[in-house]
């Protein structure tokens, strides 16, 4: 048995080289993309690696217990991959047809799982008739599962090739439109690829999917991804005594606290108190005191973790305490450590990280990563009304374990806050809501 790893600039070229070097009976066992070249890991080019093996033709040695009658059958000709390519090659011997016509390459792969129709593209990795007979009797050969997985991976690889290569125009029109839309919304490449792969898992070919069907599938998939990160309920448990609100400067922590506290005072009839540790901004203290005065609830100002203990003792007879923490640069370790000191109290609590929708996702990630090991479980996303880009919500839902609890969409207290509606957000992402 001969085994080889072939690395080429494109999948069609790799398959062609496999056929040339290992013969017509070559069997593909693995494909993947790799990075080659570059300097210190930079400027490396994407290549396609195919692992394949071939068995030299010889009289099959069959165990007597199988008692199979094996007859020679003419080999089915290998697929003429070149018919999808240009007959001319580039300066370095690279086939140029797929580069010029990636839609042809996509069609080539999209047909490889075309139901009962036996396409030419399936031939290189099919077993011979004799091998199938032996497999069915001894159950010692691989079944068709790995073959189907292999074909699916090739389809995914082709889709990734066209997406990464700025080849949206080569995709089916119904899909290209939505890929462009999601990218403009700030949805990361990794998340877009996951969405497309889920569609590929459902449909053997996406070439003929109508725009309406594609839109429906995208709405379903995006809604499902967001729903997985919604809390079972936003109702505050009766054992919860504190709501701690953390976030950088200017994201709307104080206003969010006022909105949440108003709902508890007016609708849930709870006795509410407030604490602020944000003594670095005088306006922040005065703002919270203003809201507290309207609700007729007490406010305690604390500067250290020791003072927090004293304030909690003073407010122990209240049902629920909201703590507004200092807005600082949490990229700095010292500030994160100081926040953790304020969160280290004996009362059962819910901890919310507040992020502004007007913040770039790259900056959001810094905070999300830094607080992964903290007791923060939930997110409040503010300033929804001040942006027209909603991709960061989907990125967070896909990449992080936090629960998406609330969205604020204005300055009015307490009206402009709502729980997260996954279907609504999916519609915003796809431009169906404005």
Protein backbone atom coordinates (compact mmCIF):
# COMPACT_ATOMS: atom_id res chain seq x y z
CA UNK A 1 0.00 0.00 0.00
CA UNK A 2 1.27 3.47 -0.91
CA UNK A 3 0.32 6.47 1.19
CA UNK A 4 1.04 10.06 0.23
CA UNK A 5 0.23 13.59 1.33
CA UNK A 6 -0.26 15.93 -1.60
CA UNK A 7 -0.14 19.71 -1.06
CA UNK A 8 -1.39 21.97 -3.84
CA UNK A 9 -2.72 25.47 -4.43
CA UNK A 10 -6.25 24.23 -5.07
CA UNK A 11 -8.35 21.17 -4.37
CA UNK A 12 -8.80 20.27 -8.06
CA UNK A 13 -5.04 20.40 -8.58
CA UNK A 14 -4.49 18.24 -5.49
CA UNK A 15 -6.94 15.63 -6.78
CA UNK A 16 -5.25 15.66 -10.15
CA UNK A 17 -1.85 15.08 -8.52
CA UNK A 18 -3.27 12.22 -6.45
CA UNK A 19 -4.48 10.54 -9.61
CA UNK A 20 -1.15 11.06 -11.35
CA UNK A 21 1.02 9.84 -8.46
CA UNK A 22 -1.11 7.07 -6.95
CA UNK A 23 -3.09 5.89 -9.92
CA UNK A 24 -6.73 5.48 -10.68
CA UNK A 25 -7.49 3.35 -7.61
CA UNK A 26 -6.33 6.02 -5.15
CA UNK A 27 -8.56 6.41 -2.11
CA UNK A 28 -8.76 9.75 -0.31
CA UNK A 29 -8.70 9.42 3.48
CA UNK A 30 -8.37 13.05 4.61
CA UNK A 31 -8.38 16.63 3.32
CA UNK A 32 -7.53 19.86 5.11
CA UNK A 33 -6.26 23.37 4.54
CA UNK A 34 -2.73 24.28 5.67
CA UNK A 35 -0.56 27.39 5.72
CA UNK A 36 2.74 27.31 3.86
CA UNK A 37 5.57 29.77 3.41
CA UNK A 38 5.77 33.21 4.91
CA UNK A 39 8.21 34.69 7.40
CA UNK A 40 7.78 33.97 11.10
CA UNK A 41 4.22 32.85 10.43
CA UNK A 42 3.34 36.00 8.48
CA UNK A 43 2.13 36.17 4.88
CA UNK A 44 1.67 32.39 4.73
CA UNK A 45 -0.45 31.16 1.84
CA UNK A 46 -3.36 28.78 2.18
CA UNK A 47 -2.79 25.38 0.59
CA UNK A 48 -4.89 22.24 0.28
CA UNK A 49 -3.49 18.97 1.67
CA UNK A 50 -4.91 15.63 0.59
CA UNK A 51 -3.92 12.34 2.21
CA UNK A 52 -4.55 9.34 -0.03
CA UNK A 53 -3.44 5.75 -0.49
CA UNK A 54 -3.51 3.16 -3.23
CA UNK A 55 -3.25 -0.63 -3.26
CA UNK A 56 -1.34 -2.28 -6.09
CA UNK A 57 -3.50 -4.54 -8.22
CA UNK A 58 -3.14 -8.18 -7.33
CA UNK A 59 -5.27 -11.29 -7.05
CA UNK A 60 -7.50 -10.74 -4.05
CA UNK A 61 -6.77 -13.02 -1.15
CA UNK A 62 -10.15 -14.03 0.14
CA UNK A 63 -10.73 -15.92 3.35
CA UNK A 64 -12.38 -19.25 2.48
CA UNK A 65 -15.19 -18.57 4.88
CA UNK A 66 -16.43 -15.76 2.63
CA UNK A 67 -16.75 -18.04 -0.41
CA UNK A 68 -17.30 -15.13 -2.76
CA UNK A 69 -17.25 -15.35 -6.49
CA UNK A 70 -15.17 -12.40 -7.64
CA UNK A 71 -15.17 -11.49 -11.27
CA UNK A 72 -13.05 -8.91 -12.96
CA UNK A 73 -15.00 -5.94 -14.05
CA UNK A 74 -13.86 -3.13 -16.27
CA UNK A 75 -12.80 -0.11 -14.26
CA UNK A 76 -15.07 2.88 -14.55
CA UNK A 77 -13.10 5.77 -16.01
CA UNK A 78 -11.91 8.43 -13.61
CA UNK A 79 -13.66 11.80 -13.65
CA UNK A 80 -12.35 14.19 -16.20
CA UNK A 81 -11.66 17.00 -13.77
CA UNK A 82 -10.08 18.97 -16.57
CA UNK A 83 -13.45 19.50 -18.16
CA UNK A 84 -14.17 21.96 -15.35
CA UNK A 85 -10.82 23.67 -15.86
CA UNK A 86 -9.32 25.84 -18.49
CA UNK A 87 -7.03 23.86 -20.77
CA UNK A 88 -4.31 26.42 -20.29
CA UNK A 89 -2.16 26.65 -17.20
CA UNK A 90 -0.56 29.60 -15.42
CA UNK A 91 3.07 30.54 -15.52
CA UNK A 92 3.91 28.21 -12.61
CA UNK A 93 1.95 25.27 -13.95
CA UNK A 94 -1.12 25.99 -11.83
CA UNK A 95 -4.48 25.22 -13.43
CA UNK A 96 -6.13 28.53 -14.04
CA UNK A 97 -9.66 27.42 -14.91
CA UNK A 98 -11.04 27.25 -11.37
CA UNK A 99 -9.36 30.50 -10.46
CA UNK A 100 -11.16 32.18 -13.34
CA UNK A 101 -14.39 30.26 -12.87
CA UNK A 102 -14.84 29.26 -9.21
CA UNK A 103 -18.54 28.69 -9.85
CA UNK A 104 -17.58 25.72 -11.98
CA UNK A 105 -15.54 24.28 -9.15
CA UNK A 106 -18.41 24.86 -6.73
CA UNK A 107 -20.79 23.04 -9.07
CA UNK A 108 -18.30 20.18 -9.28
CA UNK A 109 -18.37 19.66 -5.52
CA UNK A 110 -22.01 20.47 -4.92
CA UNK A 111 -23.01 17.53 -7.13
CA UNK A 112 -20.92 14.96 -5.27
CA UNK A 113 -23.82 14.06 -2.97
CA UNK A 114 -26.54 14.29 -5.56
CA UNK A 115 -28.73 11.45 -4.25
CA UNK A 116 -28.95 8.28 -6.30
CA UNK A 117 -27.37 9.80 -9.38
CA UNK A 118 -23.83 8.46 -9.72
CA UNK A 119 -21.70 11.40 -10.72
CA UNK A 120 -18.19 11.22 -12.06
CA UNK A 121 -16.87 13.11 -9.05
CA UNK A 122 -17.75 10.17 -6.80
CA UNK A 123 -15.70 7.62 -8.73
CA UNK A 124 -12.17 8.20 -7.28
CA UNK A 125 -13.20 7.26 -3.75
CA UNK A 126 -15.56 4.37 -4.46
CA UNK A 127 -14.60 0.83 -3.58
CA UNK A 128 -14.61 -1.84 -6.27
CA UNK A 129 -17.48 -4.31 -6.50
CA UNK A 130 -15.34 -7.06 -4.98
CA UNK A 131 -14.43 -4.91 -2.02
CA UNK A 132 -18.09 -4.10 -1.40
CA UNK A 133 -18.96 -7.81 -1.37
CA UNK A 134 -16.21 -8.58 1.09
CA UNK A 135 -17.23 -5.61 3.24
CA UNK A 136 -20.86 -6.73 3.43
CA UNK A 137 -19.83 -10.24 4.49
CA UNK A 138 -16.98 -9.58 6.89
CA UNK A 139 -17.97 -6.12 8.09
CA UNK A 140 -14.26 -5.42 8.35
CA UNK A 141 -14.09 -2.71 5.71
CA UNK A 142 -15.20 0.86 6.26
CA UNK A 143 -18.84 1.66 5.55
CA UNK A 144 -20.11 4.61 3.59
CA UNK A 145 -20.22 6.97 6.57
CA UNK A 146 -16.65 8.21 6.22
CA UNK A 147 -17.20 8.70 2.49
CA UNK A 148 -20.17 10.94 3.11
CA UNK A 149 -18.21 12.85 5.75
CA UNK A 150 -15.38 13.28 3.26
CA UNK A 151 -17.72 14.65 0.61
CA UNK A 152 -19.30 17.04 3.08
CA UNK A 153 -15.90 18.32 4.14
CA UNK A 154 -15.02 18.93 0.51
CA UNK A 155 -18.20 20.94 0.09
CA UNK A 156 -17.39 22.98 3.19
CA UNK A 157 -13.83 23.50 1.98
CA UNK A 158 -15.09 24.77 -1.34
CA UNK A 159 -17.42 27.22 0.38
CA UNK A 160 -14.62 28.48 2.61
CA UNK A 161 -12.35 28.84 -0.43
CA UNK A 162 -14.82 31.08 -2.18
CA UNK A 163 -15.64 33.12 0.92
CA UNK A 164 -12.05 33.73 1.97
CA UNK A 165 -10.91 34.45 -1.56
CA UNK A 166 -13.22 37.45 -1.97
CA UNK A 167 -15.26 35.30 -4.34
CA UNK A 168 -18.77 36.17 -3.14
CA UNK A 169 -19.74 36.77 -6.74
CA UNK A 170 -18.97 33.10 -7.45
CA UNK A 171 -21.47 31.85 -4.87
CA UNK A 172 -25.13 31.24 -5.66
CA UNK A 173 -26.82 34.63 -5.83
CA UNK A 174 -29.21 33.79 -2.99
CA UNK A 175 -26.30 33.06 -0.64
CA UNK A 176 -23.86 35.73 -1.79
CA UNK A 177 -26.31 38.48 -0.91
CA UNK A 178 -26.67 37.29 2.68
CA UNK A 179 -22.96 36.66 3.22
CA UNK A 180 -22.28 40.24 2.17
CA UNK A 181 -25.04 41.48 4.47
CA UNK A 182 -23.76 39.57 7.52
CA UNK A 183 -20.19 40.74 6.97
CA UNK A 184 -21.30 44.37 6.72
CA UNK A 185 -23.15 43.86 9.99
CA UNK A 186 -19.85 42.92 11.62
CA UNK A 187 -20.46 39.17 11.87
CA UNK A 188 -17.07 37.47 12.02
CA UNK A 189 -15.88 35.13 9.26
CA UNK A 190 -15.88 32.19 11.67
CA UNK A 191 -19.54 32.74 12.51
CA UNK A 192 -20.57 33.23 8.87
CA UNK A 193 -18.82 29.97 7.97
CA UNK A 194 -20.66 28.14 10.76
CA UNK A 195 -24.00 29.42 9.48
CA UNK A 196 -23.25 28.36 5.91
CA UNK A 197 -22.00 24.94 7.07
CA UNK A 198 -25.28 24.35 8.89
CA UNK A 199 -27.14 25.00 5.65
CA UNK A 200 -24.80 22.61 3.83
CA UNK A 201 -25.58 19.93 6.40
CA UNK A 202 -29.27 20.24 5.57
CA UNK A 203 -29.11 20.49 1.78
CA UNK A 204 -27.11 18.33 -0.60
CA UNK A 205 -26.73 21.30 -2.93
CA UNK A 206 -27.38 24.98 -2.34
CA UNK A 207 -27.04 26.04 -5.97
CA UNK A 208 -30.76 25.94 -6.66
CA UNK A 209 -32.02 27.28 -3.31
CA UNK A 210 -34.31 30.25 -3.81
CA UNK A 211 -33.68 33.53 -2.04
CA UNK A 212 -36.81 33.05 0.07
CA UNK A 213 -35.68 29.62 1.27
CA UNK A 214 -32.19 30.94 2.01
CA UNK A 215 -33.64 33.83 4.03
CA UNK A 216 -35.87 31.46 6.00
CA UNK A 217 -32.95 29.15 6.79
CA UNK A 218 -30.76 32.05 7.90
CA UNK A 219 -33.47 33.43 10.17
CA UNK A 220 -33.93 30.00 11.75
CA UNK A 221 -30.22 29.39 12.27
CA UNK A 222 -29.41 32.86 13.63
CA UNK A 223 -32.44 32.83 15.93
CA UNK A 224 -31.37 29.43 17.28
CA UNK A 225 -27.80 30.57 17.92
CA UNK A 226 -29.01 33.56 19.95
CA UNK A 227 -31.72 31.63 21.80
CA UNK A 228 -29.11 29.24 23.19
CA UNK A 229 -27.57 32.15 25.13
CA UNK A 230 -30.78 33.55 26.61
CA UNK A 231 -31.48 32.99 30.31
CA UNK A 232 -34.34 30.69 31.16
CA UNK A 233 -35.93 33.64 32.94
CA UNK A 234 -34.98 37.22 33.78
CA UNK A 235 -37.05 37.11 36.93
CA UNK A 236 -34.91 37.81 39.99
CA UNK A 237 -34.89 34.84 42.33
CA UNK A 238 -36.29 35.52 45.78
CA UNK A 239 -32.98 34.47 47.35
CA UNK A 240 -31.02 37.03 45.31
CA UNK A 241 -30.11 40.02 47.46
CA UNK A 242 -27.72 42.01 45.24
CA UNK A 243 -27.51 43.05 41.61
CA UNK A 244 -23.93 44.09 40.75
CA UNK A 245 -23.46 46.08 37.54
CA UNK A 246 -19.97 46.26 36.01
CA UNK A 247 -18.68 47.94 32.87
CA UNK A 248 -16.35 50.53 31.38
CA UNK A 249 -16.96 54.28 31.54
CA UNK A 250 -19.83 55.70 29.54
CA UNK A 251 -21.70 52.51 28.60
CA UNK A 252 -24.84 53.37 30.59
CA UNK A 253 -24.47 51.42 33.85
CA UNK A 254 -26.20 53.99 36.07
CA UNK A 255 -29.15 54.47 33.73
CA UNK A 256 -29.53 50.69 33.37
CA UNK A 257 -29.65 50.33 37.16
CA UNK A 258 -32.35 52.99 37.37
CA UNK A 259 -34.46 51.16 34.77
CA UNK A 260 -34.09 47.78 36.48
CA UNK A 261 -34.68 49.18 39.98
CA UNK A 262 -37.82 51.05 38.89
CA UNK A 263 -39.36 47.80 37.66
CA UNK A 264 -38.66 46.13 41.02
CA UNK A 265 -40.04 49.03 43.05
CA UNK A 266 -43.17 49.79 41.03
CA UNK A 267 -44.15 46.36 39.67
CA UNK A 268 -42.61 43.81 42.03
CA UNK A 269 -43.14 45.97 45.13
CA UNK A 270 -39.72 45.15 46.53
CA UNK A 271 -37.85 47.29 49.02
CA UNK A 272 -34.83 48.43 47.03
CA UNK A 273 -31.61 50.20 48.04
CA UNK A 274 -28.61 51.38 45.99
CA UNK A 275 -24.84 51.46 46.45
CA UNK A 276 -22.30 53.25 44.28
CA UNK A 277 -18.54 52.74 44.25
CA UNK A 278 -18.07 55.20 41.38
CA UNK A 279 -16.51 58.02 43.39
CA UNK A 280 -14.16 58.99 40.55
CA UNK A 281 -16.97 60.79 38.74
CA UNK A 282 -19.01 63.17 40.87
CA UNK A 283 -21.68 63.29 38.19
CA UNK A 284 -22.16 59.52 38.49
CA UNK A 285 -22.96 59.75 42.21
CA UNK A 286 -25.32 62.67 41.71
CA UNK A 287 -27.05 60.91 38.83
CA UNK A 288 -27.72 57.79 40.92
CA UNK A 289 -28.92 59.93 43.84
CA UNK A 290 -31.35 61.67 41.50
CA UNK A 291 -32.87 58.39 40.38
CA UNK A 292 -32.93 57.14 43.99
CA UNK A 293 -34.74 60.29 45.10
CA UNK A 294 -37.44 59.78 42.45
CA UNK A 295 -37.94 56.17 43.63
CA UNK A 296 -37.60 57.13 47.29
CA UNK A 297 -34.85 54.56 47.93
CA UNK A 298 -31.62 55.05 49.95
CA UNK A 299 -28.13 55.35 48.40
CA UNK A 300 -24.83 54.47 50.07
CA UNK A 301 -21.48 55.70 48.69
CA UNK A 302 -18.53 53.37 49.36
CA UNK A 303 -14.85 53.68 48.42
CA UNK A 304 -13.34 50.41 49.59
CA UNK A 305 -14.33 46.80 50.09
CA UNK A 306 -14.28 47.36 53.87
CA UNK A 307 -16.77 50.22 53.54
CA UNK A 308 -18.94 47.94 51.41
CA UNK A 309 -19.28 45.54 54.34
CA UNK A 310 -20.47 48.38 56.57
CA UNK A 311 -22.99 49.57 53.96
CA UNK A 312 -24.39 46.05 53.49
CA UNK A 313 -24.90 45.74 57.23
CA UNK A 314 -26.77 49.03 57.22
CA UNK A 315 -29.04 47.91 54.34
CA UNK A 316 -29.59 44.31 55.45
CA UNK A 317 -33.34 44.72 55.91
CA UNK A 318 -33.89 45.66 52.24
CA UNK A 319 -35.09 43.05 49.75
CA UNK A 320 -32.72 43.96 46.93
CA UNK A 321 -29.59 46.11 46.61
CA UNK A 322 -28.26 47.46 43.31
CA UNK A 323 -24.53 48.25 43.22
CA UNK A 324 -23.17 50.66 40.59
CA UNK A 325 -19.45 49.98 40.22
CA UNK A 326 -16.68 52.27 39.04
CA UNK A 327 -16.30 52.64 35.30
CA UNK A 328 -12.61 52.17 34.58
CA UNK A 329 -10.23 50.78 31.99
CA UNK A 330 -10.65 47.10 32.71
CA UNK A 331 -7.81 46.17 30.39
CA UNK A 332 -5.67 47.08 33.41
CA UNK A 333 -5.23 44.19 35.86
CA UNK A 334 -5.38 46.42 38.93
CA UNK A 335 -8.86 47.68 38.05
CA UNK A 336 -10.20 44.19 37.41
CA UNK A 337 -8.80 43.06 40.75
CA UNK A 338 -10.44 45.99 42.53
CA UNK A 339 -13.80 45.10 41.01
CA UNK A 340 -13.43 41.49 42.13
CA UNK A 341 -12.92 42.75 45.68
CA UNK A 342 -16.30 44.50 45.57
CA UNK A 343 -17.92 41.38 44.16
CA UNK A 344 -16.50 39.25 46.97
CA UNK A 345 -19.33 39.62 49.49
CA UNK A 346 -21.50 36.99 51.23
CA UNK A 347 -24.86 37.97 49.71
CA UNK A 348 -26.30 35.91 46.88
CA UNK A 349 -26.10 38.06 43.78
CA UNK A 350 -26.51 38.39 40.03
CA UNK A 351 -23.60 40.03 38.24
CA UNK A 352 -24.06 41.92 34.96
CA UNK A 353 -21.43 43.18 32.56
CA UNK A 354 -22.65 46.21 30.57
CA UNK A 355 -21.41 46.70 27.00
CA UNK A 356 -22.34 49.39 24.51
CA UNK A 357 -23.50 48.35 21.06
CA UNK A 358 -21.58 51.30 19.65
CA UNK A 359 -18.29 49.68 20.74
CA UNK A 360 -16.24 47.76 18.19
CA UNK A 361 -16.45 44.01 18.70
CA UNK A 362 -12.64 43.79 18.91
CA UNK A 363 -12.81 46.04 21.99
CA UNK A 364 -15.75 44.11 23.43
CA UNK A 365 -13.72 40.91 23.16
CA UNK A 366 -11.01 42.32 25.42
CA UNK A 367 -13.50 42.76 28.25
CA UNK A 368 -15.35 39.53 27.55
CA UNK A 369 -12.11 37.57 27.67
CA UNK A 370 -10.83 39.31 30.78
CA UNK A 371 -13.99 38.60 32.77
CA UNK A 372 -14.36 34.95 31.74
CA UNK A 373 -12.91 33.79 35.06
CA UNK A 374 -14.96 36.25 37.11
CA UNK A 375 -18.39 35.61 38.69
CA UNK A 376 -20.08 37.65 35.94
CA UNK A 377 -22.68 35.54 34.15
CA UNK A 378 -24.97 37.97 32.30
CA UNK A 379 -24.77 40.83 29.83
CA UNK A 380 -26.69 44.07 29.34
CA UNK A 381 -26.23 45.53 25.85
CA UNK A 382 -26.89 49.27 25.75
CA UNK A 383 -27.37 51.95 23.08
CA UNK A 384 -29.12 49.61 20.67
CA UNK A 385 -30.88 52.66 19.25
CA UNK A 386 -27.57 54.39 18.46
CA UNK A 387 -26.23 51.80 16.03
CA UNK A 388 -27.21 50.11 12.78
CA UNK A 389 -24.68 47.28 13.17
CA UNK A 390 -25.82 44.27 15.19
CA UNK A 391 -23.26 41.59 14.31
CA UNK A 392 -21.51 41.79 17.68
CA UNK A 393 -24.57 40.22 19.35
CA UNK A 394 -24.31 37.13 17.14
CA UNK A 395 -20.53 36.97 17.63
CA UNK A 396 -20.98 37.00 21.41
CA UNK A 397 -23.72 34.36 21.28
CA UNK A 398 -21.50 32.06 19.20
CA UNK A 399 -18.18 32.55 21.00
CA UNK A 400 -18.92 33.21 24.69
CA UNK A 401 -20.79 31.54 27.57
CA UNK A 402 -22.44 34.73 28.87
CA UNK A 403 -26.22 35.00 28.98
CA UNK A 404 -27.79 37.79 26.92
CA UNK A 405 -30.22 39.30 29.43
CA UNK A 406 -31.21 42.85 28.51
CA UNK A 407 -31.02 45.41 25.71
CA UNK A 408 -31.51 49.14 26.26
CA UNK A 409 -32.69 51.35 23.42
CA UNK A 410 -32.94 54.88 24.79
CA UNK A 411 -32.51 57.14 27.81
CA UNK A 412 -36.08 57.07 29.10
CA UNK A 413 -36.47 55.48 32.54
CA UNK A 414 -37.86 52.86 32.92
CA UNK A 415 -39.33 52.32 29.45
CA UNK A 416 -36.22 51.88 27.31
CA UNK A 417 -35.07 48.45 28.42
CA UNK A 418 -36.21 45.05 27.25
CA UNK A 419 -35.29 41.39 27.48
CA UNK A 420 -33.52 39.96 24.44
CA UNK A 421 -35.77 38.76 21.62
CA UNK A 422 -33.78 36.32 19.45
CA UNK A 423 -36.17 36.46 16.48
CA UNK A 424 -36.19 40.24 16.47
CA UNK A 425 -32.38 40.40 16.54
CA UNK A 426 -32.15 37.91 13.67
CA UNK A 427 -34.47 40.12 11.64
CA UNK A 428 -32.37 43.19 12.40
CA UNK A 429 -29.24 41.34 11.30
CA UNK A 430 -30.82 40.42 7.98
CA UNK A 431 -32.25 43.88 7.41
CA UNK A 432 -35.88 42.84 7.93
CA UNK A 433 -36.31 45.35 10.80
CA UNK A 434 -35.08 48.94 11.03
